């Protein structure tokens, strides 16, 4: 016969000790929550200011980069939003970087951009798997997308989409959009974030 002894219930402990145990458990749980989700709850909402500093002339004058992450982000901005204004292109970059920060997506820019690219018409960003060329043939749009990619990867604030992880054009109505929270619209793109799922303890 084996005897097992259970730890005393928190209610049976002195108040200070019970509180310390509860706070320790809360801290451990918070470490598993992504920084993006925490900042969404704790950050004060403000008008976007950083993006306003970047004029098209300034962006077009920036030197180009051959960095792999810059190239992947540039390619996505170019193909997904080159017809939008600067805000719309920055917003697409935010979505990609927000995904990089979340545990249920690849942990690097190229991984996010090319996720499921091997599955025809079933990838995360349509240009990556629709069978068309990925070449960036419009020099001005390519240069602008590259500058935006560099700025965002250098740590520019993500202040346009309020944590968005998804977007689609106004021409389509994907099923997932019904359960996601819409955070904004830039040009013909609607932006959404995944609903926050809180576990019940």
C-alpha atoms as a PDB file:
ATOM      1  CA  UNK A   1       0.000   0.000   0.000  1.00  0.00           C
ATOM      2  CA  UNK A   2       1.398   3.428  -1.046  1.00  0.00           C
ATOM      3  CA  UNK A   3       0.535   6.618   0.747  1.00  0.00           C
ATOM      4  CA  UNK A   4       0.650   9.921  -1.118  1.00  0.00           C
ATOM      5  CA  UNK A   5       0.397  13.298   0.511  1.00  0.00           C
ATOM      6  CA  UNK A   6      -1.162  16.183  -1.380  1.00  0.00           C
ATOM      7  CA  UNK A   7       0.221  19.667  -1.042  1.00  0.00           C
ATOM      8  CA  UNK A   8      -1.919  21.814   1.223  1.00  0.00           C
ATOM      9  CA  UNK A   9      -4.641  23.759  -0.581  1.00  0.00           C
ATOM     10  CA  UNK A  10      -3.933  27.456  -1.017  1.00  0.00           C
ATOM     11  CA  UNK A  11      -6.974  28.176   1.168  1.00  0.00           C
ATOM     12  CA  UNK A  12      -5.323  26.284   4.073  1.00  0.00           C
ATOM     13  CA  UNK A  13      -2.157  28.404   3.978  1.00  0.00           C
ATOM     14  CA  UNK A  14      -1.536  31.776   5.621  1.00  0.00           C
ATOM     15  CA  UNK A  15      -2.740  34.643   3.421  1.00  0.00           C
ATOM     16  CA  UNK A  16       0.772  35.852   2.541  1.00  0.00           C
ATOM     17  CA  UNK A  17       1.936  32.400   1.477  1.00  0.00           C
ATOM     18  CA  UNK A  18      -1.220  31.757  -0.549  1.00  0.00           C
ATOM     19  CA  UNK A  19      -0.826  35.111  -2.286  1.00  0.00           C
ATOM     20  CA  UNK A  20       2.821  34.370  -3.084  1.00  0.00           C
ATOM     21  CA  UNK A  21       1.851  31.032  -4.661  1.00  0.00           C
ATOM     22  CA  UNK A  22      -0.920  32.657  -6.709  1.00  0.00           C
ATOM     23  CA  UNK A  23       1.391  35.446  -7.936  1.00  0.00           C
ATOM     24  CA  UNK A  24       4.079  32.930  -8.852  1.00  0.00           C
ATOM     25  CA  UNK A  25       1.578  30.921 -10.900  1.00  0.00           C
ATOM     26  CA  UNK A  26       0.366  34.096 -12.621  1.00  0.00           C
ATOM     27  CA  UNK A  27       3.926  35.147 -13.501  1.00  0.00           C
ATOM     28  CA  UNK A  28       4.606  31.703 -14.969  1.00  0.00           C
ATOM     29  CA  UNK A  29       1.436  31.904 -17.052  1.00  0.00           C
ATOM     30  CA  UNK A  30       2.256  35.427 -18.294  1.00  0.00           C
ATOM     31  CA  UNK A  31       5.675  34.269 -19.521  1.00  0.00           C
ATOM     32  CA  UNK A  32       3.866  32.031 -22.013  1.00  0.00           C
ATOM     33  CA  UNK A  33       1.867  34.946 -23.484  1.00  0.00           C
ATOM     34  CA  UNK A  34       3.495  36.660 -26.465  1.00  0.00           C
ATOM     35  CA  UNK A  35       4.733  40.232 -26.116  1.00  0.00           C
ATOM     36  CA  UNK A  36       2.413  41.255 -28.951  1.00  0.00           C
ATOM     37  CA  UNK A  37      -0.667  40.188 -27.000  1.00  0.00           C
ATOM     38  CA  UNK A  38       0.550  41.806 -23.782  1.00  0.00           C
ATOM     39  CA  UNK A  39       1.301  45.098 -25.529  1.00  0.00           C
ATOM     40  CA  UNK A  40      -2.124  45.029 -27.184  1.00  0.00           C
ATOM     41  CA  UNK A  41      -3.735  45.088 -23.742  1.00  0.00           C
ATOM     42  CA  UNK A  42      -1.323  47.430 -21.967  1.00  0.00           C
ATOM     43  CA  UNK A  43      -0.214  49.943 -24.610  1.00  0.00           C
ATOM     44  CA  UNK A  44      -2.032  53.283 -24.703  1.00  0.00           C
ATOM     45  CA  UNK A  45      -3.726  54.011 -28.017  1.00  0.00           C
ATOM     46  CA  UNK A  46      -2.308  57.015 -29.821  1.00  0.00           C
ATOM     47  CA  UNK A  47      -2.462  58.573 -33.226  1.00  0.00           C
ATOM     48  CA  UNK A  48       0.136  57.134 -35.623  1.00  0.00           C
ATOM     49  CA  UNK A  49       3.048  59.550 -35.718  1.00  0.00           C
ATOM     50  CA  UNK A  50       6.207  57.753 -36.805  1.00  0.00           C
ATOM     51  CA  UNK A  51       4.948  56.831 -40.269  1.00  0.00           C
ATOM     52  CA  UNK A  52       4.024  60.466 -40.966  1.00  0.00           C
ATOM     53  CA  UNK A  53       7.707  61.370 -40.876  1.00  0.00           C
ATOM     54  CA  UNK A  54       8.410  59.317 -43.995  1.00  0.00           C
ATOM     55  CA  UNK A  55       7.698  61.068 -47.264  1.00  0.00           C
ATOM     56  CA  UNK A  56       7.811  59.200 -50.551  1.00  0.00           C
ATOM     57  CA  UNK A  57      10.855  61.282 -51.544  1.00  0.00           C
ATOM     58  CA  UNK A  58      12.735  60.281 -48.403  1.00  0.00           C
ATOM     59  CA  UNK A  59      11.844  56.612 -48.841  1.00  0.00           C
ATOM     60  CA  UNK A  60      12.888  56.619 -52.498  1.00  0.00           C
ATOM     61  CA  UNK A  61      16.261  58.165 -51.594  1.00  0.00           C
ATOM     62  CA  UNK A  62      17.204  55.423 -49.121  1.00  0.00           C
ATOM     63  CA  UNK A  63      19.981  53.034 -50.147  1.00  0.00           C
ATOM     64  CA  UNK A  64      18.759  49.541 -50.961  1.00  0.00           C
ATOM     65  CA  UNK A  65      19.639  46.504 -48.865  1.00  0.00           C
ATOM     66  CA  UNK A  66      20.454  42.922 -49.860  1.00  0.00           C
ATOM     67  CA  UNK A  67      19.675  41.540 -46.392  1.00  0.00           C
ATOM     68  CA  UNK A  68      17.616  38.337 -46.636  1.00  0.00           C
ATOM     69  CA  UNK A  69      14.862  39.460 -44.238  1.00  0.00           C
ATOM     70  CA  UNK A  70      14.620  42.845 -45.959  1.00  0.00           C
ATOM     71  CA  UNK A  71      14.354  41.118 -49.330  1.00  0.00           C
ATOM     72  CA  UNK A  72      11.557  38.782 -48.149  1.00  0.00           C
ATOM     73  CA  UNK A  73       9.585  41.629 -46.556  1.00  0.00           C
ATOM     74  CA  UNK A  74      10.179  43.846 -49.592  1.00  0.00           C
ATOM     75  CA  UNK A  75       8.858  41.114 -51.892  1.00  0.00           C
ATOM     76  CA  UNK A  76       5.691  40.708 -49.818  1.00  0.00           C
ATOM     77  CA  UNK A  77       5.053  44.459 -49.597  1.00  0.00           C
ATOM     78  CA  UNK A  78       5.629  44.812 -53.340  1.00  0.00           C
ATOM     79  CA  UNK A  79       3.334  41.986 -54.416  1.00  0.00           C
ATOM     80  CA  UNK A  80       0.624  42.437 -51.799  1.00  0.00           C
ATOM     81  CA  UNK A  81       0.320  46.226 -51.615  1.00  0.00           C
ATOM     82  CA  UNK A  82       2.313  48.147 -54.215  1.00  0.00           C
ATOM     83  CA  UNK A  83      -0.929  49.718 -55.479  1.00  0.00           C
ATOM     84  CA  UNK A  84      -1.646  51.202 -52.046  1.00  0.00           C
ATOM     85  CA  UNK A  85      -0.336  54.416 -50.533  1.00  0.00           C
ATOM     86  CA  UNK A  86       2.570  54.416 -48.084  1.00  0.00           C
ATOM     87  CA  UNK A  87       0.276  53.717 -45.112  1.00  0.00           C
ATOM     88  CA  UNK A  88      -1.172  50.645 -46.807  1.00  0.00           C
ATOM     89  CA  UNK A  89       2.299  49.296 -47.505  1.00  0.00           C
ATOM     90  CA  UNK A  90       3.493  49.908 -43.946  1.00  0.00           C
ATOM     91  CA  UNK A  91       0.329  48.154 -42.718  1.00  0.00           C
ATOM     92  CA  UNK A  92       1.129  44.999 -44.716  1.00  0.00           C
ATOM     93  CA  UNK A  93       4.645  45.011 -43.249  1.00  0.00           C
ATOM     94  CA  UNK A  94       3.149  45.256 -39.758  1.00  0.00           C
ATOM     95  CA  UNK A  95       1.023  42.145 -40.336  1.00  0.00           C
ATOM     96  CA  UNK A  96       4.070  40.110 -41.315  1.00  0.00           C
ATOM     97  CA  UNK A  97       6.142  41.308 -38.354  1.00  0.00           C
ATOM     98  CA  UNK A  98       3.234  40.751 -35.956  1.00  0.00           C
ATOM     99  CA  UNK A  99       3.112  37.147 -37.142  1.00  0.00           C
ATOM    100  CA  UNK A 100       6.855  36.725 -36.575  1.00  0.00           C
ATOM    101  CA  UNK A 101       6.250  37.628 -32.914  1.00  0.00           C
ATOM    102  CA  UNK A 102       3.565  34.980 -32.395  1.00  0.00           C
ATOM    103  CA  UNK A 103       4.310  31.343 -31.523  1.00  0.00           C
ATOM    104  CA  UNK A 104       1.868  29.853 -34.051  1.00  0.00           C
ATOM    105  CA  UNK A 105       3.785  31.279 -37.050  1.00  0.00           C
ATOM    106  CA  UNK A 106       7.358  30.835 -38.284  1.00  0.00           C
ATOM    107  CA  UNK A 107       9.867  32.807 -36.207  1.00  0.00           C
ATOM    108  CA  UNK A 108      11.467  34.726 -39.093  1.00  0.00           C
ATOM    109  CA  UNK A 109      10.269  37.038 -41.856  1.00  0.00           C
ATOM    110  CA  UNK A 110      11.037  34.715 -44.768  1.00  0.00           C
ATOM    111  CA  UNK A 111       9.342  31.821 -42.983  1.00  0.00           C
ATOM    112  CA  UNK A 112       6.171  33.870 -42.469  1.00  0.00           C
ATOM    113  CA  UNK A 113       6.131  35.248 -46.010  1.00  0.00           C
ATOM    114  CA  UNK A 114       6.670  31.853 -47.649  1.00  0.00           C
ATOM    115  CA  UNK A 115       4.605  29.740 -45.236  1.00  0.00           C
ATOM    116  CA  UNK A 116       2.896  26.982 -47.263  1.00  0.00           C
ATOM    117  CA  UNK A 117       4.237  28.435 -50.532  1.00  0.00           C
ATOM    118  CA  UNK A 118       4.564  24.858 -51.798  1.00  0.00           C
ATOM    119  CA  UNK A 119       0.745  24.498 -51.722  1.00  0.00           C
ATOM    120  CA  UNK A 120      -0.736  26.041 -54.846  1.00  0.00           C
ATOM    121  CA  UNK A 121      -3.302  28.713 -53.942  1.00  0.00           C
ATOM    122  CA  UNK A 122      -3.243  27.626 -50.279  1.00  0.00           C
ATOM    123  CA  UNK A 123      -0.425  29.729 -48.839  1.00  0.00           C
ATOM    124  CA  UNK A 124      -0.506  32.678 -46.450  1.00  0.00           C
ATOM    125  CA  UNK A 125       0.241  35.359 -49.053  1.00  0.00           C
ATOM    126  CA  UNK A 126      -1.305  34.677 -52.451  1.00  0.00           C
ATOM    127  CA  UNK A 127       1.595  35.874 -54.586  1.00  0.00           C
ATOM    128  CA  UNK A 128       3.838  33.188 -53.053  1.00  0.00           C
ATOM    129  CA  UNK A 129       1.836  30.266 -54.461  1.00  0.00           C
ATOM    130  CA  UNK A 130      -0.286  31.499 -57.365  1.00  0.00           C
ATOM    131  CA  UNK A 131       2.199  30.350 -60.004  1.00  0.00           C
ATOM    132  CA  UNK A 132       3.077  33.854 -61.218  1.00  0.00           C
ATOM    133  CA  UNK A 133       6.562  35.319 -61.302  1.00  0.00           C
ATOM    134  CA  UNK A 134       7.857  36.777 -58.050  1.00  0.00           C
ATOM    135  CA  UNK A 135      10.061  39.241 -59.921  1.00  0.00           C
ATOM    136  CA  UNK A 136       9.638  42.858 -58.866  1.00  0.00           C
ATOM    137  CA  UNK A 137       9.541  44.478 -62.296  1.00  0.00           C
ATOM    138  CA  UNK A 138       8.428  48.014 -61.351  1.00  0.00           C
ATOM    139  CA  UNK A 139      11.610  49.808 -60.181  1.00  0.00           C
ATOM    140  CA  UNK A 140       9.892  52.598 -58.238  1.00  0.00           C
ATOM    141  CA  UNK A 141       7.531  50.264 -56.391  1.00  0.00           C
ATOM    142  CA  UNK A 142      10.407  47.858 -55.695  1.00  0.00           C
ATOM    143  CA  UNK A 143      12.542  50.652 -54.232  1.00  0.00           C
ATOM    144  CA  UNK A 144       9.692  51.967 -52.069  1.00  0.00           C
ATOM    145  CA  UNK A 145       8.880  48.472 -50.747  1.00  0.00           C
ATOM    146  CA  UNK A 146      12.560  47.947 -49.922  1.00  0.00           C
ATOM    147  CA  UNK A 147      12.755  51.196 -47.958  1.00  0.00           C
ATOM    148  CA  UNK A 148       9.602  50.361 -45.984  1.00  0.00           C
ATOM    149  CA  UNK A 149      10.975  46.887 -45.250  1.00  0.00           C
ATOM    150  CA  UNK A 150      14.247  48.350 -43.943  1.00  0.00           C
ATOM    151  CA  UNK A 151      12.487  50.872 -41.719  1.00  0.00           C
ATOM    152  CA  UNK A 152      10.146  48.282 -40.230  1.00  0.00           C
ATOM    153  CA  UNK A 153      12.925  45.758 -39.634  1.00  0.00           C
ATOM    154  CA  UNK A 154      14.954  48.510 -37.944  1.00  0.00           C
ATOM    155  CA  UNK A 155      12.312  48.691 -35.230  1.00  0.00           C
ATOM    156  CA  UNK A 156       9.876  51.357 -36.402  1.00  0.00           C
ATOM    157  CA  UNK A 157       6.738  51.372 -34.249  1.00  0.00           C
ATOM    158  CA  UNK A 158       3.826  49.282 -35.467  1.00  0.00           C
ATOM    159  CA  UNK A 159       1.097  51.818 -34.952  1.00  0.00           C
ATOM    160  CA  UNK A 160      -1.267  51.413 -37.886  1.00  0.00           C
ATOM    161  CA  UNK A 161      -2.995  48.044 -37.592  1.00  0.00           C
ATOM    162  CA  UNK A 162      -3.408  47.564 -33.829  1.00  0.00           C
ATOM    163  CA  UNK A 163      -1.786  44.133 -33.811  1.00  0.00           C
ATOM    164  CA  UNK A 164      -3.299  42.821 -37.057  1.00  0.00           C
ATOM    165  CA  UNK A 165      -2.174  39.379 -38.202  1.00  0.00           C
ATOM    166  CA  UNK A 166      -4.370  39.060 -41.292  1.00  0.00           C
ATOM    167  CA  UNK A 167      -5.646  41.153 -44.168  1.00  0.00           C
ATOM    168  CA  UNK A 168      -7.625  40.703 -47.341  1.00  0.00           C
ATOM    169  CA  UNK A 169      -8.852  42.885 -50.172  1.00  0.00           C
ATOM    170  CA  UNK A 170     -12.359  44.271 -50.222  1.00  0.00           C
ATOM    171  CA  UNK A 171     -13.040  42.036 -53.251  1.00  0.00           C
ATOM    172  CA  UNK A 172     -13.129  38.841 -51.174  1.00  0.00           C
ATOM    173  CA  UNK A 173     -14.862  37.660 -47.990  1.00  0.00           C
ATOM    174  CA  UNK A 174     -12.806  34.901 -46.384  1.00  0.00           C
ATOM    175  CA  UNK A 175     -14.579  32.719 -43.838  1.00  0.00           C
ATOM    176  CA  UNK A 176     -11.999  33.430 -41.116  1.00  0.00           C
ATOM    177  CA  UNK A 177     -12.806  37.177 -41.173  1.00  0.00           C
ATOM    178  CA  UNK A 178     -16.138  36.537 -39.412  1.00  0.00           C
ATOM    179  CA  UNK A 179     -14.424  35.436 -36.221  1.00  0.00           C
ATOM    180  CA  UNK A 180     -11.520  37.912 -36.255  1.00  0.00           C
ATOM    181  CA  UNK A 181     -11.531  41.478 -34.959  1.00  0.00           C
ATOM    182  CA  UNK A 182     -11.260  44.083 -37.697  1.00  0.00           C
ATOM    183  CA  UNK A 183      -8.652  46.693 -36.812  1.00  0.00           C
ATOM    184  CA  UNK A 184      -8.638  48.995 -39.812  1.00  0.00           C
ATOM    185  CA  UNK A 185      -8.695  49.613 -43.530  1.00  0.00           C
ATOM    186  CA  UNK A 186      -6.004  51.046 -45.779  1.00  0.00           C
ATOM    187  CA  UNK A 187      -7.028  51.451 -49.383  1.00  0.00           C
ATOM    188  CA  UNK A 188      -8.558  48.220 -50.602  1.00  0.00           C
ATOM    189  CA  UNK A 189      -7.199  46.110 -47.726  1.00  0.00           C
ATOM    190  CA  UNK A 190      -9.064  45.269 -44.522  1.00  0.00           C
ATOM    191  CA  UNK A 191      -6.941  44.331 -41.502  1.00  0.00           C
ATOM    192  CA  UNK A 192      -7.784  41.920 -38.689  1.00  0.00           C
ATOM    193  CA  UNK A 193      -6.255  40.391 -35.612  1.00  0.00           C
ATOM    194  CA  UNK A 194      -6.873  36.955 -34.236  1.00  0.00           C
ATOM    195  CA  UNK A 195      -9.255  36.799 -31.300  1.00  0.00           C
ATOM    196  CA  UNK A 196      -7.461  36.572 -27.970  1.00  0.00           C
ATOM    197  CA  UNK A 197      -7.982  33.140 -26.483  1.00  0.00           C
ATOM    198  CA  UNK A 198      -7.740  33.083 -22.720  1.00  0.00           C
ATOM    199  CA  UNK A 199      -7.466  29.726 -21.020  1.00  0.00           C
ATOM    200  CA  UNK A 200      -9.758  29.000 -18.116  1.00  0.00           C
ATOM    201  CA  UNK A 201      -7.878  28.095 -14.959  1.00  0.00           C
END
